């Protein structure tokens, strides 16, 4: 490492107990598996985050923001480099005064999506009922363009605030954002191509005024449907595969090749929803990844369709 002090000392001086070394990632992912991350940092505000990024870049350490770990599989050997969770300062929520039929709400990337959905419903703000029951943070939901057949984050995002790899803040209006299925990128005028955001700090969302009681009833209906159709009380990362662009969904394909209930070690294809791989309590990341590869192989052999991971794979 370069510099007058080791990176560990600099980060500890900056964050105190909000930085961990050799941090076990099974405590920070919904799968509850994964080896240790070299460094796990939790900055509380953009200034701290910019300094963490500066130090990581100075020492040649790869880094990424991981949100709430809902859509993440950390491999058993862990992660070389620095992972960031967003602290309290990224949990702000404010509604902008408006007399029009539309209302803007600016929310920090660390706001939990269920909390945001509940806030919108209670305040009669229509546009986020599709997200009922989706876990994770707003930042992760925006980056993944999280959604259901009823809607997606692209339907409500008006602008975002980001931090680039040099620790600089930028405001990105909607016309610079490219939302695709489970992906967000941006138009890069310098390269005339597309770039990927390293970190979303907050988003401005545009809602339509609605009836709070009707919205509550709709949210409850969708939550009830999720409880019946998805293994919400078992460790998982949600839908493991993206749906193909046409034809049957990933869940239907996996079900048709007879993979429901198939196990490798402690990992199992859910008997409730075939696009969920669940941790039965003693799974390793290797178990989960091997089962996912087997699913891909079976679906490719029967239907000549290559299922693509929706879950992000991180680690060595």
C-alpha atoms as a PDB file:
ATOM      1  CA  UNK A   1       0.000   0.000   0.000  1.00  0.00           C
ATOM      2  CA  UNK A   2       1.110   3.557  -0.678  1.00  0.00           C
ATOM      3  CA  UNK A   3       0.819   6.691   1.370  1.00  0.00           C
ATOM      4  CA  UNK A   4       2.158   7.751   4.749  1.00  0.00           C
ATOM      5  CA  UNK A   5      -0.266   5.539   6.701  1.00  0.00           C
ATOM      6  CA  UNK A   6      -1.822   2.148   6.009  1.00  0.00           C
ATOM      7  CA  UNK A   7      -5.300   2.295   4.534  1.00  0.00           C
ATOM      8  CA  UNK A   8      -6.720   0.584   7.634  1.00  0.00           C
ATOM      9  CA  UNK A   9      -5.496   3.413   9.870  1.00  0.00           C
ATOM     10  CA  UNK A  10      -6.866   6.095   7.594  1.00  0.00           C
ATOM     11  CA  UNK A  11     -10.282   4.476   7.352  1.00  0.00           C
ATOM     12  CA  UNK A  12     -10.459   3.879  11.097  1.00  0.00           C
ATOM     13  CA  UNK A  13      -9.572   7.509  11.765  1.00  0.00           C
ATOM     14  CA  UNK A  14     -12.359   8.556   9.391  1.00  0.00           C
ATOM     15  CA  UNK A  15     -15.124   6.106  10.337  1.00  0.00           C
ATOM     16  CA  UNK A  16     -14.223   4.627  13.717  1.00  0.00           C
ATOM     17  CA  UNK A  17     -16.314   1.531  14.403  1.00  0.00           C
ATOM     18  CA  UNK A  18     -18.153   2.024  11.096  1.00  0.00           C
ATOM     19  CA  UNK A  19     -15.351   0.235   9.280  1.00  0.00           C
ATOM     20  CA  UNK A  20     -14.628  -3.484   9.667  1.00  0.00           C
ATOM     21  CA  UNK A  21     -11.807  -5.630   8.368  1.00  0.00           C
ATOM     22  CA  UNK A  22     -12.328  -9.259   7.346  1.00  0.00           C
ATOM     23  CA  UNK A  23     -16.052  -8.647   7.823  1.00  0.00           C
ATOM     24  CA  UNK A  24     -18.169 -11.832   7.463  1.00  0.00           C
ATOM     25  CA  UNK A  25     -20.625 -11.119   4.667  1.00  0.00           C
ATOM     26  CA  UNK A  26     -23.140 -13.764   5.714  1.00  0.00           C
ATOM     27  CA  UNK A  27     -24.325 -11.121   8.190  1.00  0.00           C
ATOM     28  CA  UNK A  28     -24.960  -8.592   5.443  1.00  0.00           C
ATOM     29  CA  UNK A  29     -26.768 -10.507   2.683  1.00  0.00           C
ATOM     30  CA  UNK A  30     -30.262 -11.963   2.494  1.00  0.00           C
ATOM     31  CA  UNK A  31     -28.820 -15.305   1.405  1.00  0.00           C
ATOM     32  CA  UNK A  32     -26.911 -15.434   4.729  1.00  0.00           C
ATOM     33  CA  UNK A  33     -23.855 -16.941   3.061  1.00  0.00           C
ATOM     34  CA  UNK A  34     -20.489 -15.651   1.915  1.00  0.00           C
ATOM     35  CA  UNK A  35     -16.913 -15.263   3.075  1.00  0.00           C
ATOM     36  CA  UNK A  36     -15.310 -12.143   4.538  1.00  0.00           C
ATOM     37  CA  UNK A  37     -14.832  -8.828   2.784  1.00  0.00           C
ATOM     38  CA  UNK A  38     -11.361  -7.334   3.195  1.00  0.00           C
ATOM     39  CA  UNK A  39     -12.992  -4.037   4.171  1.00  0.00           C
ATOM     40  CA  UNK A  40     -16.604  -3.145   4.932  1.00  0.00           C
ATOM     41  CA  UNK A  41     -17.213   0.598   5.329  1.00  0.00           C
ATOM     42  CA  UNK A  42     -20.367   2.470   6.311  1.00  0.00           C
ATOM     43  CA  UNK A  43     -20.049   6.187   5.496  1.00  0.00           C
ATOM     44  CA  UNK A  44     -22.782   8.383   6.960  1.00  0.00           C
ATOM     45  CA  UNK A  45     -22.787  11.216   4.423  1.00  0.00           C
ATOM     46  CA  UNK A  46     -21.494  12.136   0.952  1.00  0.00           C
ATOM     47  CA  UNK A  47     -18.359  13.788   2.360  1.00  0.00           C
ATOM     48  CA  UNK A  48     -17.311  10.607   4.164  1.00  0.00           C
ATOM     49  CA  UNK A  49     -18.196   8.542   1.135  1.00  0.00           C
ATOM     50  CA  UNK A  50     -16.057  10.739  -1.128  1.00  0.00           C
ATOM     51  CA  UNK A  51     -13.109  10.318   1.239  1.00  0.00           C
ATOM     52  CA  UNK A  52     -13.553   6.538   1.376  1.00  0.00           C
ATOM     53  CA  UNK A  53     -13.546   6.455  -2.422  1.00  0.00           C
ATOM     54  CA  UNK A  54     -10.496   8.741  -2.584  1.00  0.00           C
ATOM     55  CA  UNK A  55      -8.567   6.500  -0.199  1.00  0.00           C
ATOM     56  CA  UNK A  56      -9.587   3.320  -2.003  1.00  0.00           C
ATOM     57  CA  UNK A  57      -8.539   4.759  -5.370  1.00  0.00           C
ATOM     58  CA  UNK A  58      -5.284   6.085  -3.891  1.00  0.00           C
ATOM     59  CA  UNK A  59      -4.377   2.622  -2.597  1.00  0.00           C
ATOM     60  CA  UNK A  60      -5.564   0.820  -5.727  1.00  0.00           C
ATOM     61  CA  UNK A  61      -8.338  -0.983  -3.850  1.00  0.00           C
ATOM     62  CA  UNK A  62     -11.449  -2.010  -5.839  1.00  0.00           C
ATOM     63  CA  UNK A  63     -14.694  -0.847  -4.252  1.00  0.00           C
ATOM     64  CA  UNK A  64     -18.445  -1.007  -4.717  1.00  0.00           C
ATOM     65  CA  UNK A  65     -21.669  -0.076  -2.914  1.00  0.00           C
ATOM     66  CA  UNK A  66     -23.802  -3.088  -2.017  1.00  0.00           C
ATOM     67  CA  UNK A  67     -27.035  -1.557  -0.744  1.00  0.00           C
ATOM     68  CA  UNK A  68     -28.897  -3.886   1.596  1.00  0.00           C
ATOM     69  CA  UNK A  69     -27.499  -7.154   0.224  1.00  0.00           C
ATOM     70  CA  UNK A  70     -30.894  -8.315  -1.024  1.00  0.00           C
ATOM     71  CA  UNK A  71     -29.803  -9.149  -4.561  1.00  0.00           C
ATOM     72  CA  UNK A  72     -26.298 -10.331  -3.783  1.00  0.00           C
ATOM     73  CA  UNK A  73     -24.446 -13.646  -3.622  1.00  0.00           C
ATOM     74  CA  UNK A  74     -21.040 -13.296  -1.973  1.00  0.00           C
ATOM     75  CA  UNK A  75     -18.787 -16.251  -2.742  1.00  0.00           C
ATOM     76  CA  UNK A  76     -17.329 -18.434   0.008  1.00  0.00           C
ATOM     77  CA  UNK A  77     -13.786 -17.119  -0.358  1.00  0.00           C
ATOM     78  CA  UNK A  78     -15.036 -13.608   0.293  1.00  0.00           C
ATOM     79  CA  UNK A  79     -14.316 -10.297  -1.402  1.00  0.00           C
ATOM     80  CA  UNK A  80     -10.956  -8.738  -2.103  1.00  0.00           C
ATOM     81  CA  UNK A  81     -11.369  -5.013  -1.802  1.00  0.00           C
ATOM     82  CA  UNK A  82     -13.777  -2.619  -0.142  1.00  0.00           C
ATOM     83  CA  UNK A  83     -17.542  -2.860   0.097  1.00  0.00           C
ATOM     84  CA  UNK A  84     -19.727   0.046   1.207  1.00  0.00           C
ATOM     85  CA  UNK A  85     -23.027   0.118   3.045  1.00  0.00           C
ATOM     86  CA  UNK A  86     -24.848   3.453   3.257  1.00  0.00           C
ATOM     87  CA  UNK A  87     -25.211   4.866   6.771  1.00  0.00           C
ATOM     88  CA  UNK A  88     -27.907   6.938   8.499  1.00  0.00           C
ATOM     89  CA  UNK A  89     -27.250  10.112   6.553  1.00  0.00           C
ATOM     90  CA  UNK A  90     -28.486   8.425   3.374  1.00  0.00           C
ATOM     91  CA  UNK A  91     -31.877   7.663   4.929  1.00  0.00           C
ATOM     92  CA  UNK A  92     -33.487  11.079   4.468  1.00  0.00           C
ATOM     93  CA  UNK A  93     -36.968  11.553   3.024  1.00  0.00           C
ATOM     94  CA  UNK A  94     -38.644  14.845   2.125  1.00  0.00           C
ATOM     95  CA  UNK A  95     -41.783  15.789   0.237  1.00  0.00           C
ATOM     96  CA  UNK A  96     -41.755  18.930  -1.873  1.00  0.00           C
ATOM     97  CA  UNK A  97     -44.702  21.347  -1.527  1.00  0.00           C
ATOM     98  CA  UNK A  98     -47.065  21.139  -4.485  1.00  0.00           C
ATOM     99  CA  UNK A  99     -50.610  22.134  -5.389  1.00  0.00           C
ATOM    100  CA  UNK A 100     -50.592  20.185  -8.652  1.00  0.00           C
ATOM    101  CA  UNK A 101     -51.884  16.629  -9.159  1.00  0.00           C
ATOM    102  CA  UNK A 102     -48.269  15.478  -8.932  1.00  0.00           C
ATOM    103  CA  UNK A 103     -45.963  15.369  -5.910  1.00  0.00           C
ATOM    104  CA  UNK A 104     -42.178  15.079  -5.814  1.00  0.00           C
ATOM    105  CA  UNK A 105     -40.408  13.178  -3.042  1.00  0.00           C
ATOM    106  CA  UNK A 106     -36.630  13.153  -2.660  1.00  0.00           C
ATOM    107  CA  UNK A 107     -35.315  10.121  -0.811  1.00  0.00           C
ATOM    108  CA  UNK A 108     -31.817   8.988   0.137  1.00  0.00           C
ATOM    109  CA  UNK A 109     -30.425   5.830  -1.433  1.00  0.00           C
ATOM    110  CA  UNK A 110     -30.324   4.183   1.991  1.00  0.00           C
ATOM    111  CA  UNK A 111     -34.094   4.463   2.536  1.00  0.00           C
ATOM    112  CA  UNK A 112     -35.646   1.001   2.772  1.00  0.00           C
ATOM    113  CA  UNK A 113     -37.985   0.379  -0.142  1.00  0.00           C
ATOM    114  CA  UNK A 114     -40.769  -1.061   2.080  1.00  0.00           C
ATOM    115  CA  UNK A 115     -40.604   2.104   4.239  1.00  0.00           C
ATOM    116  CA  UNK A 116     -40.806   4.306   1.152  1.00  0.00           C
ATOM    117  CA  UNK A 117     -43.745   2.313  -0.186  1.00  0.00           C
ATOM    118  CA  UNK A 118     -45.506   2.638   3.179  1.00  0.00           C
ATOM    119  CA  UNK A 119     -44.830   6.411   3.279  1.00  0.00           C
ATOM    120  CA  UNK A 120     -46.231   6.894  -0.212  1.00  0.00           C
ATOM    121  CA  UNK A 121     -49.332   4.838   0.570  1.00  0.00           C
ATOM    122  CA  UNK A 122     -50.080   6.618   3.849  1.00  0.00           C
ATOM    123  CA  UNK A 123     -49.721  10.015   2.158  1.00  0.00           C
ATOM    124  CA  UNK A 124     -51.928   9.137  -0.798  1.00  0.00           C
ATOM    125  CA  UNK A 125     -49.069   9.124  -3.315  1.00  0.00           C
ATOM    126  CA  UNK A 126     -49.731   6.765  -6.202  1.00  0.00           C
ATOM    127  CA  UNK A 127     -46.923   5.129  -8.190  1.00  0.00           C
ATOM    128  CA  UNK A 128     -45.108   2.706  -5.911  1.00  0.00           C
ATOM    129  CA  UNK A 129     -47.707   0.053  -5.109  1.00  0.00           C
ATOM    130  CA  UNK A 130     -45.921  -2.346  -7.483  1.00  0.00           C
ATOM    131  CA  UNK A 131     -43.037  -2.404  -4.969  1.00  0.00           C
ATOM    132  CA  UNK A 132     -45.123  -3.807  -2.100  1.00  0.00           C
ATOM    133  CA  UNK A 133     -43.059  -6.560  -0.518  1.00  0.00           C
ATOM    134  CA  UNK A 134     -39.842  -5.884  -2.454  1.00  0.00           C
ATOM    135  CA  UNK A 135     -36.973  -5.676   0.078  1.00  0.00           C
ATOM    136  CA  UNK A 136     -33.801  -3.638  -0.126  1.00  0.00           C
ATOM    137  CA  UNK A 137     -32.878   0.018  -0.367  1.00  0.00           C
ATOM    138  CA  UNK A 138     -33.982   2.686  -2.801  1.00  0.00           C
ATOM    139  CA  UNK A 139     -30.481   2.962  -4.246  1.00  0.00           C
ATOM    140  CA  UNK A 140     -30.362  -0.712  -5.116  1.00  0.00           C
ATOM    141  CA  UNK A 141     -33.901  -0.617  -6.481  1.00  0.00           C
ATOM    142  CA  UNK A 142     -33.015   2.291  -8.786  1.00  0.00           C
ATOM    143  CA  UNK A 143     -29.761   0.695  -9.966  1.00  0.00           C
ATOM    144  CA  UNK A 144     -31.575  -2.573 -10.750  1.00  0.00           C
ATOM    145  CA  UNK A 145     -34.732  -0.876 -12.042  1.00  0.00           C
ATOM    146  CA  UNK A 146     -36.545  -3.167  -9.623  1.00  0.00           C
ATOM    147  CA  UNK A 147     -40.087  -4.028 -10.531  1.00  0.00           C
ATOM    148  CA  UNK A 148     -42.908  -6.467 -11.080  1.00  0.00           C
ATOM    149  CA  UNK A 149     -45.431  -6.960 -13.901  1.00  0.00           C
ATOM    150  CA  UNK A 150     -47.339  -4.026 -12.340  1.00  0.00           C
ATOM    151  CA  UNK A 151     -44.538  -1.487 -12.705  1.00  0.00           C
ATOM    152  CA  UNK A 152     -40.884  -0.590 -12.168  1.00  0.00           C
ATOM    153  CA  UNK A 153     -38.717   2.142 -10.683  1.00  0.00           C
ATOM    154  CA  UNK A 154     -38.388   3.687 -14.141  1.00  0.00           C
ATOM    155  CA  UNK A 155     -42.056   4.702 -13.821  1.00  0.00           C
ATOM    156  CA  UNK A 156     -41.418   7.056 -10.890  1.00  0.00           C
ATOM    157  CA  UNK A 157     -37.781   8.220 -11.050  1.00  0.00           C
ATOM    158  CA  UNK A 158     -37.479  11.831 -12.237  1.00  0.00           C
ATOM    159  CA  UNK A 159     -33.788  12.395 -11.463  1.00  0.00           C
ATOM    160  CA  UNK A 160     -30.965  10.972  -9.380  1.00  0.00           C
ATOM    161  CA  UNK A 161     -27.915  12.254  -7.565  1.00  0.00           C
ATOM    162  CA  UNK A 162     -24.775  10.168  -7.990  1.00  0.00           C
ATOM    163  CA  UNK A 163     -21.138  10.048  -6.938  1.00  0.00           C
ATOM    164  CA  UNK A 164     -18.612   9.114  -9.582  1.00  0.00           C
ATOM    165  CA  UNK A 165     -15.338   7.238  -9.148  1.00  0.00           C
ATOM    166  CA  UNK A 166     -13.499  10.465  -8.369  1.00  0.00           C
ATOM    167  CA  UNK A 167     -15.861  11.258  -5.494  1.00  0.00           C
ATOM    168  CA  UNK A 168     -17.653  14.032  -7.417  1.00  0.00           C
ATOM    169  CA  UNK A 169     -21.383  14.649  -7.036  1.00  0.00           C
ATOM    170  CA  UNK A 170     -23.549  14.900 -10.134  1.00  0.00           C
ATOM    171  CA  UNK A 171     -27.244  15.470 -10.761  1.00  0.00           C
ATOM    172  CA  UNK A 172     -28.619  13.266 -13.513  1.00  0.00           C
ATOM    173  CA  UNK A 173     -31.999  14.291 -15.003  1.00  0.00           C
ATOM    174  CA  UNK A 174     -34.348  11.734 -16.479  1.00  0.00           C
ATOM    175  CA  UNK A 175     -33.376  12.426 -20.091  1.00  0.00           C
ATOM    176  CA  UNK A 176     -29.831  11.201 -19.329  1.00  0.00           C
ATOM    177  CA  UNK A 177     -31.007   7.955 -17.714  1.00  0.00           C
ATOM    178  CA  UNK A 178     -31.410   4.712 -19.648  1.00  0.00           C
ATOM    179  CA  UNK A 179     -33.707   2.293 -17.873  1.00  0.00           C
ATOM    180  CA  UNK A 180     -33.782  -1.252 -19.156  1.00  0.00           C
ATOM    181  CA  UNK A 181     -35.016  -4.524 -17.720  1.00  0.00           C
ATOM    182  CA  UNK A 182     -33.295  -4.807 -14.313  1.00  0.00           C
ATOM    183  CA  UNK A 183     -30.635  -2.301 -15.276  1.00  0.00           C
ATOM    184  CA  UNK A 184     -29.879   1.414 -15.223  1.00  0.00           C
ATOM    185  CA  UNK A 185     -27.182   3.137 -17.239  1.00  0.00           C
ATOM    186  CA  UNK A 186     -26.659   6.676 -18.548  1.00  0.00           C
ATOM    187  CA  UNK A 187     -25.816   8.489 -21.737  1.00  0.00           C
ATOM    188  CA  UNK A 188     -22.135   9.413 -21.682  1.00  0.00           C
ATOM    189  CA  UNK A 189     -21.575  12.460 -23.936  1.00  0.00           C
ATOM    190  CA  UNK A 190     -17.781  12.121 -23.623  1.00  0.00           C
ATOM    191  CA  UNK A 191     -17.695   8.656 -25.179  1.00  0.00           C
ATOM    192  CA  UNK A 192     -21.006   8.787 -27.049  1.00  0.00           C
ATOM    193  CA  UNK A 193     -21.823   5.536 -25.321  1.00  0.00           C
ATOM    194  CA  UNK A 194     -23.369   4.199 -22.135  1.00  0.00           C
ATOM    195  CA  UNK A 195     -21.870   4.274 -18.658  1.00  0.00           C
ATOM    196  CA  UNK A 196     -22.759   2.561 -15.413  1.00  0.00           C
ATOM    197  CA  UNK A 197     -23.163   4.474 -12.163  1.00  0.00           C
ATOM    198  CA  UNK A 198     -20.769   3.535  -9.370  1.00  0.00           C
ATOM    199  CA  UNK A 199     -23.068   4.949  -6.646  1.00  0.00           C
ATOM    200  CA  UNK A 200     -26.565   6.430  -6.408  1.00  0.00           C
ATOM    201  CA  UNK A 201     -26.949   8.759  -3.406  1.00  0.00           C
ATOM    202  CA  UNK A 202     -30.582   9.849  -3.729  1.00  0.00           C
ATOM    203  CA  UNK A 203     -33.473   9.950  -6.148  1.00  0.00           C
ATOM    204  CA  UNK A 204     -36.275  12.394  -6.857  1.00  0.00           C
ATOM    205  CA  UNK A 205     -39.505  10.468  -7.419  1.00  0.00           C
ATOM    206  CA  UNK A 206     -42.659  11.768  -9.068  1.00  0.00           C
ATOM    207  CA  UNK A 207     -46.003  10.538  -7.727  1.00  0.00           C
ATOM    208  CA  UNK A 208     -49.592  11.201  -8.664  1.00  0.00           C
ATOM    209  CA  UNK A 209     -52.033  12.115  -5.912  1.00  0.00           C
ATOM    210  CA  UNK A 210     -54.345   9.261  -5.023  1.00  0.00           C
ATOM    211  CA  UNK A 211     -56.707   7.964  -2.350  1.00  0.00           C
ATOM    212  CA  UNK A 212     -54.747   6.646   0.647  1.00  0.00           C
ATOM    213  CA  UNK A 213     -57.362   4.041   1.596  1.00  0.00           C
ATOM    214  CA  UNK A 214     -57.570   2.650  -1.923  1.00  0.00           C
ATOM    215  CA  UNK A 215     -53.786   2.530  -2.146  1.00  0.00           C
ATOM    216  CA  UNK A 216     -53.560   0.705   1.208  1.00  0.00           C
ATOM    217  CA  UNK A 217     -56.058  -1.877   0.004  1.00  0.00           C
ATOM    218  CA  UNK A 218     -54.090  -2.414  -3.221  1.00  0.00           C
ATOM    219  CA  UNK A 219     -50.806  -2.770  -1.317  1.00  0.00           C
ATOM    220  CA  UNK A 220     -52.337  -5.338   1.038  1.00  0.00           C
ATOM    221  CA  UNK A 221     -53.708  -7.281  -1.911  1.00  0.00           C
ATOM    222  CA  UNK A 222     -50.291  -7.398  -3.563  1.00  0.00           C
ATOM    223  CA  UNK A 223     -48.540  -8.285  -0.306  1.00  0.00           C
ATOM    224  CA  UNK A 224     -50.973 -11.137   0.242  1.00  0.00           C
ATOM    225  CA  UNK A 225     -50.338 -12.413  -3.292  1.00  0.00           C
ATOM    226  CA  UNK A 226     -46.574 -12.320  -2.658  1.00  0.00           C
ATOM    227  CA  UNK A 227     -46.907 -14.233   0.609  1.00  0.00           C
ATOM    228  CA  UNK A 228     -48.849 -16.966  -1.159  1.00  0.00           C
ATOM    229  CA  UNK A 229     -46.586 -17.224  -4.214  1.00  0.00           C
ATOM    230  CA  UNK A 230     -43.071 -16.558  -2.867  1.00  0.00           C
ATOM    231  CA  UNK A 231     -40.907 -18.056  -0.088  1.00  0.00           C
ATOM    232  CA  UNK A 232     -40.688 -14.780   1.817  1.00  0.00           C
ATOM    233  CA  UNK A 233     -39.609 -16.381   5.101  1.00  0.00           C
ATOM    234  CA  UNK A 234     -36.597 -18.313   3.779  1.00  0.00           C
ATOM    235  CA  UNK A 235     -33.170 -16.776   3.078  1.00  0.00           C
ATOM    236  CA  UNK A 236     -32.916 -15.965  -0.622  1.00  0.00           C
ATOM    237  CA  UNK A 237     -32.061 -13.142  -2.987  1.00  0.00           C
ATOM    238  CA  UNK A 238     -35.460 -12.973  -4.642  1.00  0.00           C
ATOM    239  CA  UNK A 239     -35.761 -14.051  -8.262  1.00  0.00           C
ATOM    240  CA  UNK A 240     -32.408 -15.548  -9.215  1.00  0.00           C
ATOM    241  CA  UNK A 241     -32.775 -15.274 -13.004  1.00  0.00           C
ATOM    242  CA  UNK A 242     -34.004 -12.573 -15.338  1.00  0.00           C
ATOM    243  CA  UNK A 243     -37.075 -13.399 -17.375  1.00  0.00           C
ATOM    244  CA  UNK A 244     -36.403 -14.026 -21.083  1.00  0.00           C
ATOM    245  CA  UNK A 245     -37.541 -11.204 -23.357  1.00  0.00           C
ATOM    246  CA  UNK A 246     -40.295 -13.346 -24.861  1.00  0.00           C
ATOM    247  CA  UNK A 247     -42.163 -16.499 -24.038  1.00  0.00           C
ATOM    248  CA  UNK A 248     -42.316 -18.206 -20.668  1.00  0.00           C
ATOM    249  CA  UNK A 249     -40.962 -16.600 -17.517  1.00  0.00           C
ATOM    250  CA  UNK A 250     -37.820 -17.942 -15.873  1.00  0.00           C
ATOM    251  CA  UNK A 251     -39.941 -19.495 -13.128  1.00  0.00           C
ATOM    252  CA  UNK A 252     -42.124 -21.328 -15.636  1.00  0.00           C
ATOM    253  CA  UNK A 253     -39.100 -22.650 -17.520  1.00  0.00           C
ATOM    254  CA  UNK A 254     -37.438 -23.897 -14.339  1.00  0.00           C
ATOM    255  CA  UNK A 255     -40.668 -25.537 -13.194  1.00  0.00           C
ATOM    256  CA  UNK A 256     -41.169 -27.272 -16.562  1.00  0.00           C
ATOM    257  CA  UNK A 257     -37.723 -28.879 -16.455  1.00  0.00           C
ATOM    258  CA  UNK A 258     -38.607 -30.387 -13.086  1.00  0.00           C
ATOM    259  CA  UNK A 259     -36.201 -28.409 -10.935  1.00  0.00           C
ATOM    260  CA  UNK A 260     -38.632 -27.419  -8.151  1.00  0.00           C
ATOM    261  CA  UNK A 261     -37.413 -28.930  -4.904  1.00  0.00           C
ATOM    262  CA  UNK A 262     -34.003 -29.903  -6.363  1.00  0.00           C
ATOM    263  CA  UNK A 263     -31.200 -29.538  -3.812  1.00  0.00           C
ATOM    264  CA  UNK A 264     -27.453 -29.251  -3.770  1.00  0.00           C
ATOM    265  CA  UNK A 265     -26.110 -29.215  -0.230  1.00  0.00           C
ATOM    266  CA  UNK A 266     -28.177 -26.719   1.745  1.00  0.00           C
ATOM    267  CA  UNK A 267     -29.457 -24.883  -1.349  1.00  0.00           C
ATOM    268  CA  UNK A 268     -32.878 -25.697  -2.795  1.00  0.00           C
ATOM    269  CA  UNK A 269     -35.025 -24.556  -5.697  1.00  0.00           C
ATOM    270  CA  UNK A 270     -38.103 -23.307  -3.872  1.00  0.00           C
ATOM    271  CA  UNK A 271     -41.153 -25.537  -4.071  1.00  0.00           C
ATOM    272  CA  UNK A 272     -43.247 -22.359  -3.892  1.00  0.00           C
ATOM    273  CA  UNK A 273     -41.641 -20.344  -6.693  1.00  0.00           C
ATOM    274  CA  UNK A 274     -39.169 -21.994  -9.053  1.00  0.00           C
ATOM    275  CA  UNK A 275     -37.182 -18.804  -9.723  1.00  0.00           C
ATOM    276  CA  UNK A 276     -36.149 -18.646  -6.067  1.00  0.00           C
ATOM    277  CA  UNK A 277     -33.129 -20.494  -4.725  1.00  0.00           C
ATOM    278  CA  UNK A 278     -33.382 -20.677  -0.937  1.00  0.00           C
ATOM    279  CA  UNK A 279     -30.906 -21.388   1.818  1.00  0.00           C
ATOM    280  CA  UNK A 280     -32.338 -24.207   3.932  1.00  0.00           C
ATOM    281  CA  UNK A 281     -30.069 -23.137   6.779  1.00  0.00           C
ATOM    282  CA  UNK A 282     -26.706 -24.698   6.026  1.00  0.00           C
ATOM    283  CA  UNK A 283     -26.074 -23.703   2.409  1.00  0.00           C
ATOM    284  CA  UNK A 284     -22.792 -22.343   1.131  1.00  0.00           C
ATOM    285  CA  UNK A 285     -22.423 -19.901  -1.724  1.00  0.00           C
ATOM    286  CA  UNK A 286     -20.894 -22.764  -3.704  1.00  0.00           C
ATOM    287  CA  UNK A 287     -24.064 -24.839  -3.174  1.00  0.00           C
ATOM    288  CA  UNK A 288     -26.199 -21.974  -4.439  1.00  0.00           C
ATOM    289  CA  UNK A 289     -24.009 -21.249  -7.459  1.00  0.00           C
ATOM    290  CA  UNK A 290     -23.797 -24.931  -8.444  1.00  0.00           C
ATOM    291  CA  UNK A 291     -27.566 -25.229  -8.245  1.00  0.00           C
ATOM    292  CA  UNK A 292     -27.958 -22.094 -10.359  1.00  0.00           C
ATOM    293  CA  UNK A 293     -25.585 -23.522 -12.991  1.00  0.00           C
ATOM    294  CA  UNK A 294     -27.540 -26.774 -13.017  1.00  0.00           C
ATOM    295  CA  UNK A 295     -30.759 -24.835 -13.618  1.00  0.00           C
ATOM    296  CA  UNK A 296     -29.139 -22.998 -16.518  1.00  0.00           C
ATOM    297  CA  UNK A 297     -27.931 -26.278 -18.000  1.00  0.00           C
ATOM    298  CA  UNK A 298     -31.334 -27.990 -17.740  1.00  0.00           C
ATOM    299  CA  UNK A 299     -33.234 -25.055 -19.262  1.00  0.00           C
ATOM    300  CA  UNK A 300     -30.675 -24.654 -22.069  1.00  0.00           C
ATOM    301  CA  UNK A 301     -30.836 -28.381 -22.891  1.00  0.00           C
ATOM    302  CA  UNK A 302     -34.648 -28.455 -23.054  1.00  0.00           C
ATOM    303  CA  UNK A 303     -35.515 -25.037 -24.490  1.00  0.00           C
ATOM    304  CA  UNK A 304     -32.243 -23.656 -25.935  1.00  0.00           C
ATOM    305  CA  UNK A 305     -32.652 -20.604 -23.697  1.00  0.00           C
ATOM    306  CA  UNK A 306     -29.704 -19.180 -21.745  1.00  0.00           C
ATOM    307  CA  UNK A 307     -31.067 -17.871 -18.447  1.00  0.00           C
ATOM    308  CA  UNK A 308     -29.190 -14.811 -17.215  1.00  0.00           C
ATOM    309  CA  UNK A 309     -28.499 -14.166 -13.545  1.00  0.00           C
ATOM    310  CA  UNK A 310     -30.477 -11.341 -11.968  1.00  0.00           C
ATOM    311  CA  UNK A 311     -28.601 -11.843  -8.697  1.00  0.00           C
ATOM    312  CA  UNK A 312     -25.236 -10.088  -8.529  1.00  0.00           C
ATOM    313  CA  UNK A 313     -22.269 -12.415  -7.890  1.00  0.00           C
ATOM    314  CA  UNK A 314     -19.477 -10.830  -5.843  1.00  0.00           C
ATOM    315  CA  UNK A 315     -16.166 -12.252  -4.677  1.00  0.00           C
ATOM    316  CA  UNK A 316     -13.184 -14.362  -5.587  1.00  0.00           C
END
